[in-house]
């Protein structure tokens, strides 16, 4: 279940890709309606998700069948082409994943709050 390329990892990558797709759509939608600051926040989220997908699939190493360089294999816990299995980087990577998850959770709430605030300002003749 939790082995490399097992169902848990495959589901994780699938959900990351799904979230990335939604993020791209939301970025485009927010940009199109003129909410540039929100669109840029979503774009940052998309970049983070793209990075997470790349890391989880070792940047396509097992998909395309290339080998890890000797130098990277020597410092990578799993001998793969990724950063998150390098000692000292693992902890930071987990924090980045946590922050990305929090951002993905809080950003829609921020958009709803921002939209509600803007509509109240427009209704009063402000903005």
C-alpha atoms as a PDB file:
ATOM      1  CA  UNK A   1       0.000   0.000   0.000  1.00  0.00           C
ATOM      2  CA  UNK A   2       2.751   2.452   0.956  1.00  0.00           C
ATOM      3  CA  UNK A   3       5.563   1.093  -1.203  1.00  0.00           C
ATOM      4  CA  UNK A   4       7.268   3.133  -3.910  1.00  0.00           C
ATOM      5  CA  UNK A   5       4.836   3.473  -6.829  1.00  0.00           C
ATOM      6  CA  UNK A   6       2.196   1.840  -4.618  1.00  0.00           C
ATOM      7  CA  UNK A   7      -1.459   2.797  -4.450  1.00  0.00           C
ATOM      8  CA  UNK A   8      -0.930   5.468  -1.769  1.00  0.00           C
ATOM      9  CA  UNK A   9       1.712   7.280  -3.822  1.00  0.00           C
ATOM     10  CA  UNK A  10      -0.285   6.895  -7.023  1.00  0.00           C
ATOM     11  CA  UNK A  11      -3.357   8.387  -5.337  1.00  0.00           C
ATOM     12  CA  UNK A  12      -1.267  11.219  -3.929  1.00  0.00           C
ATOM     13  CA  UNK A  13       0.104  12.083  -7.372  1.00  0.00           C
ATOM     14  CA  UNK A  14      -3.377  11.753  -8.911  1.00  0.00           C
ATOM     15  CA  UNK A  15      -4.845  14.198  -6.387  1.00  0.00           C
ATOM     16  CA  UNK A  16      -1.920  16.601  -6.858  1.00  0.00           C
ATOM     17  CA  UNK A  17      -2.472  16.551 -10.637  1.00  0.00           C
ATOM     18  CA  UNK A  18      -6.226  17.076 -10.143  1.00  0.00           C
ATOM     19  CA  UNK A  19      -5.542  19.998  -7.782  1.00  0.00           C
ATOM     20  CA  UNK A  20      -3.055  21.413 -10.273  1.00  0.00           C
ATOM     21  CA  UNK A  21      -5.667  21.281 -13.029  1.00  0.00           C
ATOM     22  CA  UNK A  22      -8.222  23.042 -10.839  1.00  0.00           C
ATOM     23  CA  UNK A  23      -5.611  25.583  -9.824  1.00  0.00           C
ATOM     24  CA  UNK A  24      -4.811  26.397 -13.448  1.00  0.00           C
ATOM     25  CA  UNK A  25      -8.518  26.846 -14.209  1.00  0.00           C
ATOM     26  CA  UNK A  26      -9.010  29.082 -11.174  1.00  0.00           C
ATOM     27  CA  UNK A  27      -5.915  31.107 -12.010  1.00  0.00           C
ATOM     28  CA  UNK A  28      -7.201  31.726 -15.533  1.00  0.00           C
ATOM     29  CA  UNK A  29     -10.686  32.550 -14.274  1.00  0.00           C
ATOM     30  CA  UNK A  30      -9.466  35.019 -11.636  1.00  0.00           C
ATOM     31  CA  UNK A  31      -7.119  36.686 -14.127  1.00  0.00           C
ATOM     32  CA  UNK A  32      -9.914  36.990 -16.687  1.00  0.00           C
ATOM     33  CA  UNK A  33     -12.285  38.724 -14.261  1.00  0.00           C
ATOM     34  CA  UNK A  34      -9.587  41.174 -13.201  1.00  0.00           C
ATOM     35  CA  UNK A  35      -8.666  39.676  -9.833  1.00  0.00           C
ATOM     36  CA  UNK A  36      -4.949  39.770 -10.617  1.00  0.00           C
ATOM     37  CA  UNK A  37      -3.683  39.468  -7.027  1.00  0.00           C
ATOM     38  CA  UNK A  38      -5.805  36.363  -6.382  1.00  0.00           C
ATOM     39  CA  UNK A  39      -4.747  34.945  -9.771  1.00  0.00           C
ATOM     40  CA  UNK A  40      -1.096  35.398  -8.825  1.00  0.00           C
ATOM     41  CA  UNK A  41      -1.665  33.583  -5.537  1.00  0.00           C
ATOM     42  CA  UNK A  42      -3.262  30.707  -7.439  1.00  0.00           C
ATOM     43  CA  UNK A  43      -0.363  30.746  -9.904  1.00  0.00           C
ATOM     44  CA  UNK A  44       2.052  30.343  -6.985  1.00  0.00           C
ATOM     45  CA  UNK A  45      -0.036  27.444  -5.724  1.00  0.00           C
ATOM     46  CA  UNK A  46       0.106  25.877  -9.206  1.00  0.00           C
ATOM     47  CA  UNK A  47       3.888  26.199  -9.337  1.00  0.00           C
ATOM     48  CA  UNK A  48       4.127  24.501  -5.963  1.00  0.00           C
ATOM     49  CA  UNK A  49       1.823  21.696  -7.045  1.00  0.00           C
ATOM     50  CA  UNK A  50       3.812  21.220 -10.256  1.00  0.00           C
ATOM     51  CA  UNK A  51       6.967  20.916  -8.158  1.00  0.00           C
ATOM     52  CA  UNK A  52       5.318  18.401  -5.805  1.00  0.00           C
ATOM     53  CA  UNK A  53       4.135  16.254  -8.723  1.00  0.00           C
ATOM     54  CA  UNK A  54       7.597  16.342 -10.260  1.00  0.00           C
ATOM     55  CA  UNK A  55       9.217  15.359  -6.982  1.00  0.00           C
ATOM     56  CA  UNK A  56       6.779  12.524  -6.316  1.00  0.00           C
ATOM     57  CA  UNK A  57       7.403  10.952  -9.727  1.00  0.00           C
ATOM     58  CA  UNK A  58      11.150  11.686  -9.429  1.00  0.00           C
ATOM     59  CA  UNK A  59      10.820  14.034 -12.389  1.00  0.00           C
ATOM     60  CA  UNK A  60       9.798  11.155 -14.627  1.00  0.00           C
ATOM     61  CA  UNK A  61      12.760   8.924 -13.810  1.00  0.00           C
ATOM     62  CA  UNK A  62      10.817   5.667 -13.538  1.00  0.00           C
ATOM     63  CA  UNK A  63       8.370   6.692 -16.261  1.00  0.00           C
ATOM     64  CA  UNK A  64      11.092   7.419 -18.826  1.00  0.00           C
ATOM     65  CA  UNK A  65      13.659   4.976 -17.431  1.00  0.00           C
ATOM     66  CA  UNK A  66      16.680   7.224 -16.894  1.00  0.00           C
ATOM     67  CA  UNK A  67      19.265   6.637 -14.184  1.00  0.00           C
ATOM     68  CA  UNK A  68      20.243   8.837 -11.285  1.00  0.00           C
ATOM     69  CA  UNK A  69      23.650  10.481 -11.526  1.00  0.00           C
ATOM     70  CA  UNK A  70      26.298   8.971  -9.255  1.00  0.00           C
ATOM     71  CA  UNK A  71      26.637  12.196  -7.262  1.00  0.00           C
ATOM     72  CA  UNK A  72      22.897  12.460  -6.601  1.00  0.00           C
ATOM     73  CA  UNK A  73      22.524   8.746  -5.858  1.00  0.00           C
ATOM     74  CA  UNK A  74      25.231   9.065  -3.191  1.00  0.00           C
ATOM     75  CA  UNK A  75      23.263  11.669  -1.195  1.00  0.00           C
ATOM     76  CA  UNK A  76      19.694  10.613  -2.000  1.00  0.00           C
ATOM     77  CA  UNK A  77      18.165   8.177   0.496  1.00  0.00           C
ATOM     78  CA  UNK A  78      16.364   6.269  -2.277  1.00  0.00           C
ATOM     79  CA  UNK A  79      18.940   6.810  -5.012  1.00  0.00           C
ATOM     80  CA  UNK A  80      16.439   8.747  -7.150  1.00  0.00           C
ATOM     81  CA  UNK A  81      16.330  11.987  -9.123  1.00  0.00           C
ATOM     82  CA  UNK A  82      14.514  14.117  -6.574  1.00  0.00           C
ATOM     83  CA  UNK A  83      15.289  16.549  -3.791  1.00  0.00           C
ATOM     84  CA  UNK A  84      12.899  15.417  -1.081  1.00  0.00           C
ATOM     85  CA  UNK A  85      14.916  12.284  -0.233  1.00  0.00           C
ATOM     86  CA  UNK A  86      18.154  14.151   0.447  1.00  0.00           C
ATOM     87  CA  UNK A  87      19.090  14.254   4.122  1.00  0.00           C
ATOM     88  CA  UNK A  88      18.574  17.771   5.435  1.00  0.00           C
ATOM     89  CA  UNK A  89      16.073  18.641   2.714  1.00  0.00           C
ATOM     90  CA  UNK A  90      13.406  16.147   3.807  1.00  0.00           C
ATOM     91  CA  UNK A  91      12.258  18.235   6.782  1.00  0.00           C
ATOM     92  CA  UNK A  92      12.057  21.447   4.769  1.00  0.00           C
ATOM     93  CA  UNK A  93      10.174  19.623   2.029  1.00  0.00           C
ATOM     94  CA  UNK A  94       7.567  18.403   4.507  1.00  0.00           C
ATOM     95  CA  UNK A  95       7.045  21.974   5.706  1.00  0.00           C
ATOM     96  CA  UNK A  96       6.611  23.157   2.127  1.00  0.00           C
ATOM     97  CA  UNK A  97       4.017  20.416   1.543  1.00  0.00           C
ATOM     98  CA  UNK A  98       2.212  21.467   4.721  1.00  0.00           C
ATOM     99  CA  UNK A  99       2.211  25.117   3.672  1.00  0.00           C
ATOM    100  CA  UNK A 100       1.011  24.216   0.167  1.00  0.00           C
ATOM    101  CA  UNK A 101      -1.853  22.216   1.676  1.00  0.00           C
ATOM    102  CA  UNK A 102      -2.742  25.088   3.981  1.00  0.00           C
ATOM    103  CA  UNK A 103      -2.597  27.518   1.055  1.00  0.00           C
ATOM    104  CA  UNK A 104      -4.805  25.285  -1.053  1.00  0.00           C
ATOM    105  CA  UNK A 105      -7.281  25.105   1.804  1.00  0.00           C
ATOM    106  CA  UNK A 106      -7.231  28.772   2.790  1.00  0.00           C
ATOM    107  CA  UNK A 107      -7.010  30.376  -0.659  1.00  0.00           C
ATOM    108  CA  UNK A 108     -10.611  29.543  -1.652  1.00  0.00           C
ATOM    109  CA  UNK A 109     -11.775  30.990   1.665  1.00  0.00           C
ATOM    110  CA  UNK A 110      -9.749  34.132   0.951  1.00  0.00           C
ATOM    111  CA  UNK A 111     -11.346  34.401  -2.492  1.00  0.00           C
ATOM    112  CA  UNK A 112     -14.851  34.090  -1.001  1.00  0.00           C
ATOM    113  CA  UNK A 113     -14.029  36.730   1.630  1.00  0.00           C
ATOM    114  CA  UNK A 114     -12.468  39.051  -0.982  1.00  0.00           C
ATOM    115  CA  UNK A 115     -15.460  38.647  -3.316  1.00  0.00           C
ATOM    116  CA  UNK A 116     -17.950  39.315  -0.516  1.00  0.00           C
ATOM    117  CA  UNK A 117     -15.998  42.375   0.579  1.00  0.00           C
ATOM    118  CA  UNK A 118     -15.833  43.710  -2.978  1.00  0.00           C
ATOM    119  CA  UNK A 119     -19.557  43.189  -3.577  1.00  0.00           C
ATOM    120  CA  UNK A 120     -20.409  45.074  -0.371  1.00  0.00           C
ATOM    121  CA  UNK A 121     -18.182  47.950  -1.431  1.00  0.00           C
ATOM    122  CA  UNK A 122     -19.782  48.088  -4.867  1.00  0.00           C
ATOM    123  CA  UNK A 123     -23.288  47.957  -3.326  1.00  0.00           C
ATOM    124  CA  UNK A 124     -22.503  51.017  -1.169  1.00  0.00           C
ATOM    125  CA  UNK A 125     -21.046  52.988  -4.046  1.00  0.00           C
ATOM    126  CA  UNK A 126     -17.471  52.473  -2.889  1.00  0.00           C
ATOM    127  CA  UNK A 127     -14.663  50.751  -4.744  1.00  0.00           C
END
